[in-house]
Amino acid sequence: MKALLDDGLSVLSDLLQSGAGSCHPETEARLNRLSQSWEDAGLHTGSTLLAQLAQALAQRRHGGESGPLDLMEKTGTAVRYIRFCQQKYGLDAAKARLNQVEEQEDFDHETDS
């Protein structure tokens, strides 16, 4: 899960650095692939956000209505989603470690008795 989130942040960072106006078709394809991977991993909201961003990039490349502000808004929303998921992942990992420590302490206490 962490790798998927990191990949998402990487592609969005690349998008922001390159600028939406000069976006390559590879970025759109990468967003679509990542969107599918996120869907498969259960990150349904994030998958939708990435798919919408890929669609906006496609529209922009083909002279559509999606302007730079719309793209930046979609990118910002996706980045906030990723950051939220990374925080949740970190909290879940910390909880799992804490539960492991508590189980070990309980086990040690039971074997001492």
Protein backbone atom coordinates (compact mmCIF):
# COMPACT_ATOMS: atom_id res chain seq x y z
CA MET A 1 0.00 0.00 0.00
CA LYS A 2 2.80 2.39 0.93
CA ALA A 3 4.45 1.88 -2.47
CA LEU A 4 1.19 2.68 -4.29
CA LEU A 5 0.78 5.89 -2.33
CA ASP A 6 4.40 6.84 -2.94
CA ASP A 7 3.94 6.20 -6.67
CA GLY A 8 0.88 8.44 -6.66
CA LEU A 9 2.74 11.25 -4.97
CA SER A 10 5.62 10.83 -7.42
CA VAL A 11 3.42 11.09 -10.53
CA LEU A 12 1.60 14.12 -9.12
CA SER A 13 4.90 15.74 -8.23
CA ASP A 14 6.16 15.12 -11.77
CA LEU A 15 2.96 16.65 -13.12
CA LEU A 16 3.36 19.77 -11.03
CA GLN A 17 7.02 20.14 -11.97
CA SER A 18 6.41 19.74 -15.69
CA GLY A 19 3.35 21.94 -15.70
CA ALA A 20 -0.02 20.79 -16.95
CA GLY A 21 0.34 22.63 -20.24
CA SER A 22 3.34 20.60 -21.34
CA CYS A 23 2.17 17.26 -20.01
CA HIS A 24 3.30 14.22 -21.95
CA PRO A 25 0.89 11.44 -22.95
CA GLU A 26 2.99 9.10 -20.78
CA THR A 27 1.83 10.97 -17.68
CA GLU A 28 -1.79 10.38 -18.62
CA ALA A 29 -1.08 6.68 -19.22
CA ARG A 30 0.81 6.45 -15.92
CA LEU A 31 -2.12 8.02 -14.07
CA ASN A 32 -4.52 5.55 -15.69
CA ARG A 33 -2.33 2.56 -14.75
CA LEU A 34 -1.96 3.81 -11.20
CA SER A 35 -5.69 4.46 -11.00
CA GLN A 36 -6.33 0.82 -11.87
CA SER A 37 -3.75 -0.37 -9.32
CA TRP A 38 -5.38 1.76 -6.66
CA GLU A 39 -8.79 0.38 -7.55
CA ASP A 40 -7.44 -3.16 -7.24
CA ALA A 41 -5.95 -2.27 -3.82
CA GLY A 42 -9.25 -0.84 -2.55
CA LEU A 43 -8.34 2.84 -2.82
CA HIS A 44 -11.56 3.57 -4.70
CA THR A 45 -11.73 7.31 -4.02
CA GLY A 46 -8.09 7.78 -4.98
CA SER A 47 -8.60 5.70 -8.09
CA THR A 48 -11.44 7.96 -9.15
CA LEU A 49 -9.36 11.09 -8.46
CA LEU A 50 -6.47 9.82 -10.58
CA ALA A 51 -8.80 8.76 -13.40
CA GLN A 52 -10.44 12.20 -13.39
CA LEU A 53 -7.03 13.86 -13.51
CA ALA A 54 -5.94 11.64 -16.42
CA GLN A 55 -9.16 12.52 -18.24
CA ALA A 56 -8.62 16.25 -17.62
CA LEU A 57 -5.09 15.95 -19.02
CA ALA A 58 -6.41 14.18 -22.10
CA GLN A 59 -9.01 16.89 -22.62
CA ARG A 60 -6.39 19.60 -22.23
CA ARG A 61 -4.04 17.94 -24.72
CA HIS A 62 -6.85 17.69 -27.26
CA GLY A 63 -7.94 21.30 -26.88
CA GLY A 64 -10.74 20.62 -24.41
CA GLU A 65 -12.11 22.83 -21.70
CA SER A 66 -9.94 21.66 -18.84
CA GLY A 67 -7.82 24.67 -17.90
CA PRO A 68 -4.72 24.84 -15.72
CA LEU A 69 -6.67 25.88 -12.62
CA ASP A 70 -8.98 22.89 -12.97
CA LEU A 71 -5.96 20.60 -13.31
CA MET A 72 -4.23 22.13 -10.29
CA GLU A 73 -7.42 21.79 -8.24
CA LYS A 74 -7.71 18.11 -9.17
CA THR A 75 -4.02 17.59 -8.45
CA GLY A 76 -4.32 19.32 -5.06
CA THR A 77 -7.28 17.16 -4.12
CA ALA A 78 -5.38 14.01 -5.09
CA VAL A 79 -2.30 15.10 -3.10
CA ARG A 80 -4.44 15.74 0.00
CA TYR A 81 -6.02 12.31 -0.41
CA ILE A 82 -2.59 10.67 -0.64
CA ARG A 83 -1.33 12.52 2.44
CA PHE A 84 -4.42 11.44 4.37
CA CYS A 85 -3.90 7.83 3.32
CA GLN A 86 -0.21 7.98 4.25
CA GLN A 87 -1.13 9.26 7.71
CA LYS A 88 -3.72 6.51 8.10
CA TYR A 89 -1.20 3.92 6.95
CA GLY A 90 1.32 5.21 9.49
CA LEU A 91 -1.24 5.12 12.31
CA ASP A 92 -2.34 1.61 11.37
CA ALA A 93 1.28 0.43 11.31
CA ALA A 94 1.95 2.01 14.71
CA LYS A 95 -1.17 0.37 16.12
CA ALA A 96 -0.08 -3.01 14.78
CA ARG A 97 3.36 -2.59 16.38
CA LEU A 98 1.78 -1.56 19.68
CA ASN A 99 -0.53 -4.59 19.60
CA GLN A 100 2.48 -6.81 18.92
CA VAL A 101 4.31 -5.38 21.94
CA GLU A 102 1.24 -5.79 24.15
CA GLU A 103 0.77 -9.40 23.00
CA GLN A 104 4.42 -10.15 23.72
CA GLU A 105 4.14 -8.56 27.17
CA ASP A 106 0.98 -10.59 27.88
CA PHE A 107 2.75 -13.74 26.73
CA ASP A 108 5.80 -12.95 28.87
CA HIS A 109 3.54 -12.27 31.86
CA GLU A 110 1.65 -15.55 31.38
CA THR A 111 4.85 -17.59 31.12
CA ASP A 112 6.23 -15.93 34.29
CA SER A 113 3.13 -16.93 36.27
